[in-house]
Amino acid sequence: MHHFYKTTVLFILISSLLTSMHSSANGDVGKDLMSVFSRAHQGEALRAVAIGGSITQAGKGWIGPWLQEQFPASIVTMRNAGMSATGSTLGIFRLKRDVISVQPDLVLIEFAVNDSSASDDTVIHNLESIVVRLKTLPNPPAIVFVETAAINGSNRVRHEKVA
């Protein structure tokens, strides 16, 4: 992946996260992520999974090396569970095998482009189902929604509502 693209994606990811943390009326937004980052900073192992469509699959785990660079005292394990042409409808069914089985500390979700043909209600229901399932695990992971776009567009607003 080109350095410019990788840097731009990371900047957007971090900017989106920080913006949502500071603009939210709910003081709990981002605390789970800050807890994961704090533990990794102290040297605890960090297990991360990125689930999504072809954009995630093509990324070849770009977030893994970035996480290792940010937390050099931690052993970072990154799983890329991107699968081309899949949206959140299939993501629900892939969750146990591709995400939960790893017992991740951090889950990155990217389905915006492949969810573009589904209805708003369907996408919101799917994403809420994924989040609830992850947050009800014995050790719930921090969840970050990765915003992506395609030349032919995507409807990220639905993903932002759930995030």
C-alpha atoms as a PDB file:
ATOM      1  CA  MET A   1       0.000   0.000   0.000  1.00  0.00           C
ATOM      2  CA  HIS A   2       1.304   3.445  -0.819  1.00  0.00           C
ATOM      3  CA  HIS A   3       2.674   5.376   2.145  1.00  0.00           C
ATOM      4  CA  PHE A   4       0.479   8.421   1.365  1.00  0.00           C
ATOM      5  CA  TYR A   5      -2.680   6.300   1.308  1.00  0.00           C
ATOM      6  CA  LYS A   6      -1.747   4.459   4.510  1.00  0.00           C
ATOM      7  CA  THR A   7      -0.950   7.733   6.299  1.00  0.00           C
ATOM      8  CA  THR A   8      -4.171   9.330   5.067  1.00  0.00           C
ATOM      9  CA  VAL A   9      -6.288   6.387   6.225  1.00  0.00           C
ATOM     10  CA  LEU A  10      -4.655   6.385   9.658  1.00  0.00           C
ATOM     11  CA  PHE A  11      -5.136  10.143   9.956  1.00  0.00           C
ATOM     12  CA  ILE A  12      -8.827   9.823   9.064  1.00  0.00           C
ATOM     13  CA  LEU A  13      -9.261   6.942  11.497  1.00  0.00           C
ATOM     14  CA  ILE A  14      -7.612   8.779  14.381  1.00  0.00           C
ATOM     15  CA  SER A  15      -9.293  12.094  13.563  1.00  0.00           C
ATOM     16  CA  SER A  16     -12.704  10.448  13.404  1.00  0.00           C
ATOM     17  CA  LEU A  17     -12.121   8.700  16.707  1.00  0.00           C
ATOM     18  CA  LEU A  18     -10.923  11.821  18.502  1.00  0.00           C
ATOM     19  CA  THR A  19     -13.737  13.910  17.036  1.00  0.00           C
ATOM     20  CA  SER A  20     -16.358  11.438  18.186  1.00  0.00           C
ATOM     21  CA  MET A  21     -14.768  11.216  21.635  1.00  0.00           C
ATOM     22  CA  HIS A  22     -14.782  14.980  22.139  1.00  0.00           C
ATOM     23  CA  SER A  23     -18.136  15.752  20.535  1.00  0.00           C
ATOM     24  CA  SER A  24     -20.172  13.022  22.197  1.00  0.00           C
ATOM     25  CA  ALA A  25     -22.577  13.847  24.975  1.00  0.00           C
ATOM     26  CA  ASN A  26     -21.838  10.380  26.347  1.00  0.00           C
ATOM     27  CA  GLY A  27     -18.658  10.528  28.395  1.00  0.00           C
ATOM     28  CA  ASP A  28     -18.045   6.792  27.861  1.00  0.00           C
ATOM     29  CA  VAL A  29     -17.310   7.060  24.151  1.00  0.00           C
ATOM     30  CA  GLY A  30     -13.727   6.071  23.505  1.00  0.00           C
ATOM     31  CA  LYS A  31     -12.958   4.901  27.062  1.00  0.00           C
ATOM     32  CA  ASP A  32     -12.790   1.273  25.913  1.00  0.00           C
ATOM     33  CA  LEU A  33     -10.267   2.178  23.226  1.00  0.00           C
ATOM     34  CA  MET A  34      -8.209   4.298  25.580  1.00  0.00           C
ATOM     35  CA  SER A  35      -8.153   1.370  28.028  1.00  0.00           C
ATOM     36  CA  VAL A  36      -6.900  -1.001  25.309  1.00  0.00           C
ATOM     37  CA  PHE A  37      -4.247   1.500  24.230  1.00  0.00           C
ATOM     38  CA  SER A  38      -3.194   2.088  27.832  1.00  0.00           C
ATOM     39  CA  ARG A  39      -2.728  -1.637  28.465  1.00  0.00           C
ATOM     40  CA  ALA A  40      -0.776  -2.012  25.205  1.00  0.00           C
ATOM     41  CA  HIS A  41       1.387   0.970  26.170  1.00  0.00           C
ATOM     42  CA  GLN A  42       2.218  -0.837  29.419  1.00  0.00           C
ATOM     43  CA  GLY A  43       3.354  -3.884  27.433  1.00  0.00           C
ATOM     44  CA  GLU A  44       0.286  -6.127  27.531  1.00  0.00           C
ATOM     45  CA  ALA A  45      -0.393  -8.126  24.383  1.00  0.00           C
ATOM     46  CA  LEU A  46      -2.814  -6.545  21.911  1.00  0.00           C
ATOM     47  CA  ARG A  47      -5.051  -8.690  19.688  1.00  0.00           C
ATOM     48  CA  ALA A  48      -6.788  -6.786  16.901  1.00  0.00           C
ATOM     49  CA  VAL A  49      -9.142  -7.856  14.122  1.00  0.00           C
ATOM     50  CA  ALA A  50     -10.284  -5.860  11.104  1.00  0.00           C
ATOM     51  CA  ILE A  51     -13.543  -7.130   9.593  1.00  0.00           C
ATOM     52  CA  GLY A  52     -14.998  -5.746   6.414  1.00  0.00           C
ATOM     53  CA  GLY A  53     -15.093  -6.067   2.672  1.00  0.00           C
ATOM     54  CA  SER A  54     -12.523  -5.738  -0.071  1.00  0.00           C
ATOM     55  CA  ILE A  55     -11.086  -2.483   1.269  1.00  0.00           C
ATOM     56  CA  THR A  56     -10.186  -4.263   4.486  1.00  0.00           C
ATOM     57  CA  GLN A  57      -8.967  -7.334   2.611  1.00  0.00           C
ATOM     58  CA  ALA A  58      -6.759  -5.247   0.315  1.00  0.00           C
ATOM     59  CA  GLY A  59      -5.310  -3.377   3.303  1.00  0.00           C
ATOM     60  CA  LYS A  60      -3.307  -6.493   4.225  1.00  0.00           C
ATOM     61  CA  GLY A  61      -3.358  -5.563   7.880  1.00  0.00           C
ATOM     62  CA  TRP A  62      -1.949  -2.042   7.581  1.00  0.00           C
ATOM     63  CA  ILE A  63      -3.172  -1.239  11.070  1.00  0.00           C
ATOM     64  CA  GLY A  64      -1.099  -4.067  12.600  1.00  0.00           C
ATOM     65  CA  PRO A  65       2.301  -2.541  11.819  1.00  0.00           C
ATOM     66  CA  TRP A  66       1.007   0.863  12.921  1.00  0.00           C
ATOM     67  CA  LEU A  67      -0.187  -0.574  16.247  1.00  0.00           C
ATOM     68  CA  GLN A  68       3.180  -2.308  16.756  1.00  0.00           C
ATOM     69  CA  GLU A  69       4.943   0.975  16.043  1.00  0.00           C
ATOM     70  CA  GLN A  70       2.745   2.807  18.558  1.00  0.00           C
ATOM     71  CA  PHE A  71       3.144   0.130  21.237  1.00  0.00           C
ATOM     72  CA  PRO A  72       6.656  -1.324  20.866  1.00  0.00           C
ATOM     73  CA  ALA A  73       6.545  -2.937  24.330  1.00  0.00           C
ATOM     74  CA  SER A  74       3.461  -4.947  23.349  1.00  0.00           C
ATOM     75  CA  ILE A  75       3.141  -8.036  21.193  1.00  0.00           C
ATOM     76  CA  VAL A  76       0.564  -7.073  18.586  1.00  0.00           C
ATOM     77  CA  THR A  77      -1.410  -9.775  16.806  1.00  0.00           C
ATOM     78  CA  MET A  78      -3.406  -8.523  13.835  1.00  0.00           C
ATOM     79  CA  ARG A  79      -5.999 -10.549  11.946  1.00  0.00           C
ATOM     80  CA  ASN A  80      -7.317  -9.260   8.661  1.00  0.00           C
ATOM     81  CA  ALA A  81     -10.825 -10.667   8.287  1.00  0.00           C
ATOM     82  CA  GLY A  82     -11.591  -8.690   5.148  1.00  0.00           C
ATOM     83  CA  MET A  83     -13.590 -10.593   2.561  1.00  0.00           C
ATOM     84  CA  SER A  84     -14.229  -9.084  -0.841  1.00  0.00           C
ATOM     85  CA  ALA A  85     -17.809  -8.155  -1.764  1.00  0.00           C
ATOM     86  CA  THR A  86     -19.221  -8.681   1.725  1.00  0.00           C
ATOM     87  CA  GLY A  87     -21.304  -6.271   3.738  1.00  0.00           C
ATOM     88  CA  SER A  88     -22.600  -6.255   7.270  1.00  0.00           C
ATOM     89  CA  THR A  89     -25.322  -8.809   6.485  1.00  0.00           C
ATOM     90  CA  LEU A  90     -22.699 -11.494   5.945  1.00  0.00           C
ATOM     91  CA  GLY A  91     -20.510  -9.901   8.617  1.00  0.00           C
ATOM     92  CA  ILE A  92     -22.984 -11.010  11.283  1.00  0.00           C
ATOM     93  CA  PHE A  93     -22.526 -14.632  10.222  1.00  0.00           C
ATOM     94  CA  ARG A  94     -18.723 -14.305   9.995  1.00  0.00           C
ATOM     95  CA  LEU A  95     -18.414 -12.713  13.419  1.00  0.00           C
ATOM     96  CA  LYS A  96     -17.925 -15.852  15.528  1.00  0.00           C
ATOM     97  CA  ARG A  97     -15.450 -17.532  13.170  1.00  0.00           C
ATOM     98  CA  ASP A  98     -13.494 -14.486  12.023  1.00  0.00           C
ATOM     99  CA  VAL A  99     -13.577 -12.196  15.067  1.00  0.00           C
ATOM    100  CA  ILE A 100     -14.825 -13.690  18.324  1.00  0.00           C
ATOM    101  CA  SER A 101     -12.650 -16.802  17.967  1.00  0.00           C
ATOM    102  CA  VAL A 102      -9.568 -14.559  18.300  1.00  0.00           C
ATOM    103  CA  GLN A 103     -10.818 -12.974  21.553  1.00  0.00           C
ATOM    104  CA  PRO A 104      -9.735  -9.538  20.320  1.00  0.00           C
ATOM    105  CA  ASP A 105      -9.012  -6.460  22.385  1.00  0.00           C
ATOM    106  CA  LEU A 106      -9.760  -4.243  19.396  1.00  0.00           C
ATOM    107  CA  VAL A 107     -12.145  -4.692  16.444  1.00  0.00           C
ATOM    108  CA  LEU A 108     -12.126  -2.426  13.398  1.00  0.00           C
ATOM    109  CA  ILE A 109     -15.320  -2.534  11.313  1.00  0.00           C
ATOM    110  CA  GLU A 110     -15.453  -1.428   7.664  1.00  0.00           C
ATOM    111  CA  PHE A 111     -18.531  -2.297   5.611  1.00  0.00           C
ATOM    112  CA  ALA A 112     -19.670   1.128   4.349  1.00  0.00           C
ATOM    113  CA  VAL A 113     -18.985   0.591   0.640  1.00  0.00           C
ATOM    114  CA  ASN A 114     -20.436  -2.916   0.455  1.00  0.00           C
ATOM    115  CA  ASP A 115     -23.466  -1.886   2.514  1.00  0.00           C
ATOM    116  CA  SER A 116     -24.389   0.771  -0.050  1.00  0.00           C
ATOM    117  CA  SER A 117     -27.088  -1.340  -1.732  1.00  0.00           C
ATOM    118  CA  ALA A 118     -28.853  -2.352   1.506  1.00  0.00           C
ATOM    119  CA  SER A 119     -31.617  -0.324   3.138  1.00  0.00           C
ATOM    120  CA  ASP A 120     -30.879   2.010   6.030  1.00  0.00           C
ATOM    121  CA  ASP A 121     -32.907  -0.156   8.429  1.00  0.00           C
ATOM    122  CA  THR A 122     -31.069  -3.316   7.388  1.00  0.00           C
ATOM    123  CA  VAL A 123     -27.613  -1.807   7.732  1.00  0.00           C
ATOM    124  CA  ILE A 124     -28.355  -0.199  11.092  1.00  0.00           C
ATOM    125  CA  HIS A 125     -29.854  -3.467  12.382  1.00  0.00           C
ATOM    126  CA  ASN A 126     -26.840  -5.464  11.150  1.00  0.00           C
ATOM    127  CA  LEU A 127     -24.280  -3.134  12.681  1.00  0.00           C
ATOM    128  CA  GLU A 128     -26.150  -2.848  15.960  1.00  0.00           C
ATOM    129  CA  SER A 129     -26.302  -6.660  16.087  1.00  0.00           C
ATOM    130  CA  ILE A 130     -22.528  -6.882  15.544  1.00  0.00           C
ATOM    131  CA  VAL A 131     -21.819  -4.264  18.227  1.00  0.00           C
ATOM    132  CA  VAL A 132     -24.191  -5.811  20.771  1.00  0.00           C
ATOM    133  CA  ARG A 133     -22.746  -9.267  20.189  1.00  0.00           C
ATOM    134  CA  LEU A 134     -19.203  -7.986  20.684  1.00  0.00           C
ATOM    135  CA  LYS A 135     -20.079  -5.854  23.711  1.00  0.00           C
ATOM    136  CA  THR A 136     -21.815  -8.762  25.479  1.00  0.00           C
ATOM    137  CA  LEU A 137     -18.731 -11.001  25.330  1.00  0.00           C
ATOM    138  CA  PRO A 138     -17.074 -11.817  28.683  1.00  0.00           C
ATOM    139  CA  ASN A 139     -14.158  -9.527  27.667  1.00  0.00           C
ATOM    140  CA  PRO A 140     -15.714  -7.040  25.226  1.00  0.00           C
ATOM    141  CA  PRO A 141     -13.311  -5.472  22.735  1.00  0.00           C
ATOM    142  CA  ALA A 142     -13.021  -1.818  21.869  1.00  0.00           C
ATOM    143  CA  ILE A 143     -14.733  -1.146  18.550  1.00  0.00           C
ATOM    144  CA  VAL A 144     -13.672   1.371  15.918  1.00  0.00           C
ATOM    145  CA  PHE A 145     -15.677   2.012  12.762  1.00  0.00           C
ATOM    146  CA  VAL A 146     -13.359   2.733   9.844  1.00  0.00           C
ATOM    147  CA  GLU A 147     -14.895   5.182   7.396  1.00  0.00           C
ATOM    148  CA  THR A 148     -14.283   4.391   3.757  1.00  0.00           C
ATOM    149  CA  ALA A 149     -15.589   5.617   0.448  1.00  0.00           C
ATOM    150  CA  ALA A 150     -15.622   4.532  -3.153  1.00  0.00           C
ATOM    151  CA  ILE A 151     -15.660   6.467  -6.402  1.00  0.00           C
ATOM    152  CA  ASN A 152     -19.283   5.421  -6.888  1.00  0.00           C
ATOM    153  CA  GLY A 153     -20.082   6.527  -3.329  1.00  0.00           C
ATOM    154  CA  SER A 154     -21.066   4.977  -0.060  1.00  0.00           C
ATOM    155  CA  ASN A 155     -23.573   5.783   2.608  1.00  0.00           C
ATOM    156  CA  ARG A 156     -21.424   6.169   5.709  1.00  0.00           C
ATOM    157  CA  VAL A 157     -24.088   8.092   7.630  1.00  0.00           C
ATOM    158  CA  ARG A 158     -25.735   4.840   8.728  1.00  0.00           C
ATOM    159  CA  HIS A 159     -22.431   3.530  10.046  1.00  0.00           C
ATOM    160  CA  GLU A 160     -21.769   6.809  11.850  1.00  0.00           C
ATOM    161  CA  LYS A 161     -25.162   6.580  13.584  1.00  0.00           C
ATOM    162  CA  VAL A 162     -24.302   3.179  15.022  1.00  0.00           C
ATOM    163  CA  ALA A 163     -20.734   4.203  15.860  1.00  0.00           C
END
